[in-house]
Amino acid sequence: MRIIVRHAEDDFIAMKTAQGMENSGANVFSITNNGQATHFGATAPHTRFCIWAKIENDGMIESIDDAIEKELDE
């Protein structure tokens, strides 16, 4: 199992990004911003939202990115 992070500039894009990640099979466990920390201790940079998700393998990354693009295009 791996943890991946995707960034978003605002809350709407963060929500759409998280939805795309969930649609492709990723397990989104946290959305943080402004220096908040996840329960794993990782910290989000200021001025950005970070969407944290667990994935089963690296092969999922391409389908996750495709699903995010599809969600943002709608």
N, C-alpha and C. Protein backbone atom coordinates (compact mmCIF):
# COMPACT_ATOMS: atom_id res chain seq x y z
N MET A 1 0.84 -1.17 0.00
CA MET A 1 0.00 0.00 0.00
C MET A 1 0.89 1.24 0.00
N ARG A 2 0.48 2.24 -0.78
CA ARG A 2 1.22 3.50 -0.88
C ARG A 2 0.28 4.66 -0.55
N ILE A 3 0.88 5.78 -0.21
CA ILE A 3 0.13 7.01 0.00
C ILE A 3 0.54 8.00 -1.08
N ILE A 4 -0.46 8.60 -1.73
CA ILE A 4 -0.19 9.62 -2.74
C ILE A 4 -0.83 10.93 -2.30
N VAL A 5 -0.32 12.02 -2.83
CA VAL A 5 -0.84 13.35 -2.51
C VAL A 5 -1.06 14.10 -3.82
N ARG A 6 -2.20 14.76 -3.90
CA ARG A 6 -2.46 15.66 -5.01
C ARG A 6 -2.78 17.03 -4.42
N HIS A 7 -2.43 18.08 -5.15
CA HIS A 7 -2.62 19.45 -4.67
C HIS A 7 -3.77 20.12 -5.40
N ALA A 8 -4.39 21.09 -4.73
CA ALA A 8 -5.45 21.89 -5.34
C ALA A 8 -5.33 23.32 -4.83
N GLU A 9 -5.73 24.26 -5.67
CA GLU A 9 -5.61 25.68 -5.31
C GLU A 9 -6.76 26.19 -4.45
N ASP A 10 -7.94 25.58 -4.56
CA ASP A 10 -9.07 26.05 -3.75
C ASP A 10 -9.93 24.87 -3.33
N ASP A 11 -10.94 25.15 -2.51
CA ASP A 11 -11.74 24.07 -1.94
C ASP A 11 -12.59 23.35 -2.98
N PHE A 12 -13.08 24.04 -4.01
CA PHE A 12 -13.88 23.38 -5.04
C PHE A 12 -13.03 22.40 -5.84
N ILE A 13 -11.85 22.83 -6.25
CA ILE A 13 -10.95 21.94 -6.99
C ILE A 13 -10.51 20.78 -6.11
N ALA A 14 -10.29 21.04 -4.82
CA ALA A 14 -9.92 19.96 -3.90
C ALA A 14 -11.02 18.91 -3.82
N MET A 15 -12.28 19.37 -3.74
CA MET A 15 -13.40 18.43 -3.68
C MET A 15 -13.51 17.61 -4.96
N LYS A 16 -13.36 18.27 -6.12
CA LYS A 16 -13.43 17.55 -7.40
C LYS A 16 -12.26 16.57 -7.54
N THR A 17 -11.08 16.97 -7.09
CA THR A 17 -9.91 16.10 -7.14
C THR A 17 -10.13 14.87 -6.27
N ALA A 18 -10.62 15.08 -5.06
CA ALA A 18 -10.89 13.96 -4.15
C ALA A 18 -11.94 13.03 -4.75
N GLN A 19 -12.97 13.59 -5.39
CA GLN A 19 -14.01 12.76 -6.01
C GLN A 19 -13.42 11.91 -7.13
N GLY A 20 -12.56 12.50 -7.95
CA GLY A 20 -11.92 11.74 -9.02
C GLY A 20 -11.05 10.63 -8.47
N MET A 21 -10.34 10.91 -7.38
CA MET A 21 -9.49 9.89 -6.77
C MET A 21 -10.34 8.73 -6.24
N GLU A 22 -11.44 9.06 -5.57
CA GLU A 22 -12.34 8.02 -5.05
C GLU A 22 -12.95 7.21 -6.19
N ASN A 23 -13.33 7.89 -7.28
CA ASN A 23 -13.93 7.20 -8.43
C ASN A 23 -12.99 6.17 -9.04
N SER A 24 -11.69 6.39 -8.93
CA SER A 24 -10.73 5.47 -9.54
C SER A 24 -10.24 4.39 -8.58
N GLY A 25 -10.76 4.38 -7.36
CA GLY A 25 -10.41 3.32 -6.43
C GLY A 25 -9.46 3.70 -5.32
N ALA A 26 -9.00 4.94 -5.30
CA ALA A 26 -8.13 5.38 -4.20
C ALA A 26 -8.97 5.60 -2.95
N ASN A 27 -8.35 5.44 -1.81
CA ASN A 27 -9.03 5.65 -0.53
C ASN A 27 -8.56 6.98 0.06
N VAL A 28 -9.33 8.05 -0.20
CA VAL A 28 -8.98 9.37 0.32
C VAL A 28 -9.20 9.36 1.82
N PHE A 29 -8.15 9.68 2.57
CA PHE A 29 -8.29 9.67 4.02
C PHE A 29 -8.15 11.04 4.66
N SER A 30 -7.73 12.05 3.90
CA SER A 30 -7.59 13.37 4.50
C SER A 30 -7.48 14.44 3.43
N ILE A 31 -8.08 15.59 3.71
CA ILE A 31 -7.88 16.79 2.90
C ILE A 31 -7.42 17.87 3.88
N THR A 32 -6.24 18.41 3.66
CA THR A 32 -5.67 19.38 4.59
C THR A 32 -5.30 20.66 3.86
N ASN A 33 -5.18 21.74 4.61
CA ASN A 33 -4.66 22.99 4.05
C ASN A 33 -4.13 23.87 5.16
N ASN A 34 -3.43 24.92 4.76
CA ASN A 34 -2.90 25.92 5.70
C ASN A 34 -2.12 25.34 6.86
N GLY A 35 -1.24 24.41 6.57
CA GLY A 35 -0.35 23.88 7.59
C GLY A 35 -0.95 22.83 8.50
N GLN A 36 -2.16 22.37 8.21
CA GLN A 36 -2.76 21.30 9.01
C GLN A 36 -1.97 20.01 8.81
N ALA A 37 -2.03 19.15 9.79
CA ALA A 37 -1.33 17.86 9.71
C ALA A 37 -2.34 16.72 9.62
N THR A 38 -1.98 15.67 8.90
CA THR A 38 -2.81 14.46 8.87
C THR A 38 -2.52 13.67 10.13
N HIS A 39 -3.30 12.62 10.34
CA HIS A 39 -3.04 11.78 11.52
C HIS A 39 -1.75 10.98 11.36
N PHE A 40 -1.14 10.98 10.17
CA PHE A 40 0.16 10.35 9.97
C PHE A 40 1.29 11.32 10.28
N GLY A 41 0.96 12.58 10.54
CA GLY A 41 1.98 13.57 10.88
C GLY A 41 2.49 14.39 9.71
N ALA A 42 2.03 14.10 8.50
CA ALA A 42 2.45 14.89 7.34
C ALA A 42 1.74 16.24 7.38
N THR A 43 2.40 17.27 6.94
CA THR A 43 1.86 18.62 7.02
C THR A 43 1.62 19.20 5.64
N ALA A 44 0.47 19.85 5.46
CA ALA A 44 0.14 20.50 4.19
C ALA A 44 0.86 21.84 4.10
N PRO A 45 1.33 22.20 2.91
CA PRO A 45 1.93 23.52 2.76
C PRO A 45 0.86 24.61 2.84
N HIS A 46 1.26 25.79 3.22
CA HIS A 46 0.32 26.91 3.25
C HIS A 46 -0.08 27.27 1.82
N THR A 47 -1.25 27.82 1.65
CA THR A 47 -1.81 28.30 0.38
C THR A 47 -2.29 27.19 -0.55
N ARG A 48 -2.21 25.95 -0.15
CA ARG A 48 -2.70 24.87 -1.01
C ARG A 48 -3.47 23.85 -0.19
N PHE A 49 -4.40 23.20 -0.86
CA PHE A 49 -5.07 22.05 -0.29
C PHE A 49 -4.29 20.81 -0.71
N CYS A 50 -4.17 19.85 0.17
CA CYS A 50 -3.55 18.57 -0.15
C CYS A 50 -4.58 17.48 0.06
N ILE A 51 -4.72 16.62 -0.93
CA ILE A 51 -5.64 15.50 -0.85
C ILE A 51 -4.77 14.25 -0.70
N TRP A 52 -4.92 13.55 0.42
CA TRP A 52 -4.10 12.39 0.76
C TRP A 52 -4.92 11.13 0.54
N ALA A 53 -4.35 10.14 -0.13
CA ALA A 53 -5.08 8.90 -0.40
C ALA A 53 -4.16 7.69 -0.33
N LYS A 54 -4.75 6.56 0.03
CA LYS A 54 -4.04 5.28 0.01
C LYS A 54 -4.39 4.58 -1.30
N ILE A 55 -3.37 3.96 -1.91
CA ILE A 55 -3.60 3.17 -3.12
C ILE A 55 -2.95 1.80 -2.93
N GLU A 56 -3.43 0.84 -3.69
CA GLU A 56 -2.93 -0.53 -3.59
C GLU A 56 -1.57 -0.70 -4.25
N ASN A 57 -1.38 -0.05 -5.42
CA ASN A 57 -0.11 -0.22 -6.14
C ASN A 57 0.14 0.98 -7.05
N ASP A 58 1.36 1.09 -7.56
CA ASP A 58 1.73 2.21 -8.42
C ASP A 58 0.97 2.22 -9.74
N GLY A 59 0.48 1.08 -10.17
CA GLY A 59 -0.27 1.01 -11.42
C GLY A 59 -1.56 1.80 -11.39
N MET A 60 -2.03 2.14 -10.22
CA MET A 60 -3.27 2.90 -10.10
C MET A 60 -3.07 4.39 -10.38
N ILE A 61 -1.85 4.87 -10.33
CA ILE A 61 -1.60 6.31 -10.41
C ILE A 61 -2.11 6.91 -11.72
N GLU A 62 -1.86 6.26 -12.83
CA GLU A 62 -2.30 6.80 -14.12
C GLU A 62 -3.82 6.88 -14.18
N SER A 63 -4.51 5.84 -13.72
CA SER A 63 -5.97 5.88 -13.76
C SER A 63 -6.53 6.93 -12.80
N ILE A 64 -5.84 7.15 -11.69
CA ILE A 64 -6.26 8.19 -10.75
C ILE A 64 -6.13 9.56 -11.40
N ASP A 65 -5.01 9.83 -12.03
CA ASP A 65 -4.81 11.13 -12.69
C ASP A 65 -5.82 11.33 -13.82
N ASP A 66 -6.14 10.27 -14.57
CA ASP A 66 -7.15 10.36 -15.62
C ASP A 66 -8.52 10.67 -15.03
N ALA A 67 -8.86 10.03 -13.92
CA ALA A 67 -10.15 10.26 -13.27
C ALA A 67 -10.25 11.68 -12.72
N ILE A 68 -9.14 12.20 -12.21
CA ILE A 68 -9.14 13.58 -11.71
C ILE A 68 -9.39 14.55 -12.86
N GLU A 69 -8.70 14.35 -13.99
CA GLU A 69 -8.90 15.21 -15.15
C GLU A 69 -10.33 15.16 -15.63
N LYS A 70 -10.91 13.97 -15.67
CA LYS A 70 -12.31 13.82 -16.10
C LYS A 70 -13.24 14.57 -15.16
N GLU A 71 -13.02 14.45 -13.87
CA GLU A 71 -13.86 15.12 -12.88
C GLU A 71 -13.74 16.64 -13.01
N LEU A 72 -12.54 17.14 -13.23
CA LEU A 72 -12.33 18.59 -13.35
C LEU A 72 -12.90 19.15 -14.65
N ASP A 73 -12.99 18.32 -15.69
CA ASP A 73 -13.53 18.77 -16.97
C ASP A 73 -15.05 18.89 -16.95
N GLU A 74 -15.71 18.23 -16.02
CA GLU A 74 -17.18 18.25 -15.98
C GLU A 74 -17.70 19.55 -15.45
